Amino acid sequence: MTDILAGAISRRTRGELLAALAAAEVPAGPVQRVGEAVEALERAHPEGWITTVDGVRLPPPPIHVDGAAPAIRRAPPRLGEHTAEVLAALG
C-alpha cells in the first residue's frame, strides 16, 4: 500500500497534490522545510518574531516563566564549532 501511495504522490508537485486533495475535499496542508516555516512565521509576525544573535537567527524561547521568556544570552554553537574540543576530551 505504501508503494502505491508513494508512486501516486511522487508524480505530482506539492502544489498539484494540495490542489487535488482540496478538490476532493480532503483536509490537507503542506509539509514545509524549516526555512519555509520560519519565513511563514516571519510574515505572520512582522513585529520581530525572530531574534538575531551573533548572526544566528533564533526563534523565541519555547519556555515562559510567569508569562515572560528568558533572555537570550548567546547564540548556539555553529555546526562543528566544538568538535575538536569534544573529541580531544574523549581521547
Foldseek 3Di string as FASTA:
>chain_A
DVVVVVVVVVVDDQVVVVVVCVVVVHDDDDDDDPVVVVVVVCVVPVVDQWDAFPNDTDGFDPDDDPNHGDDDDHDDDDVPNCVVVVVVVVD
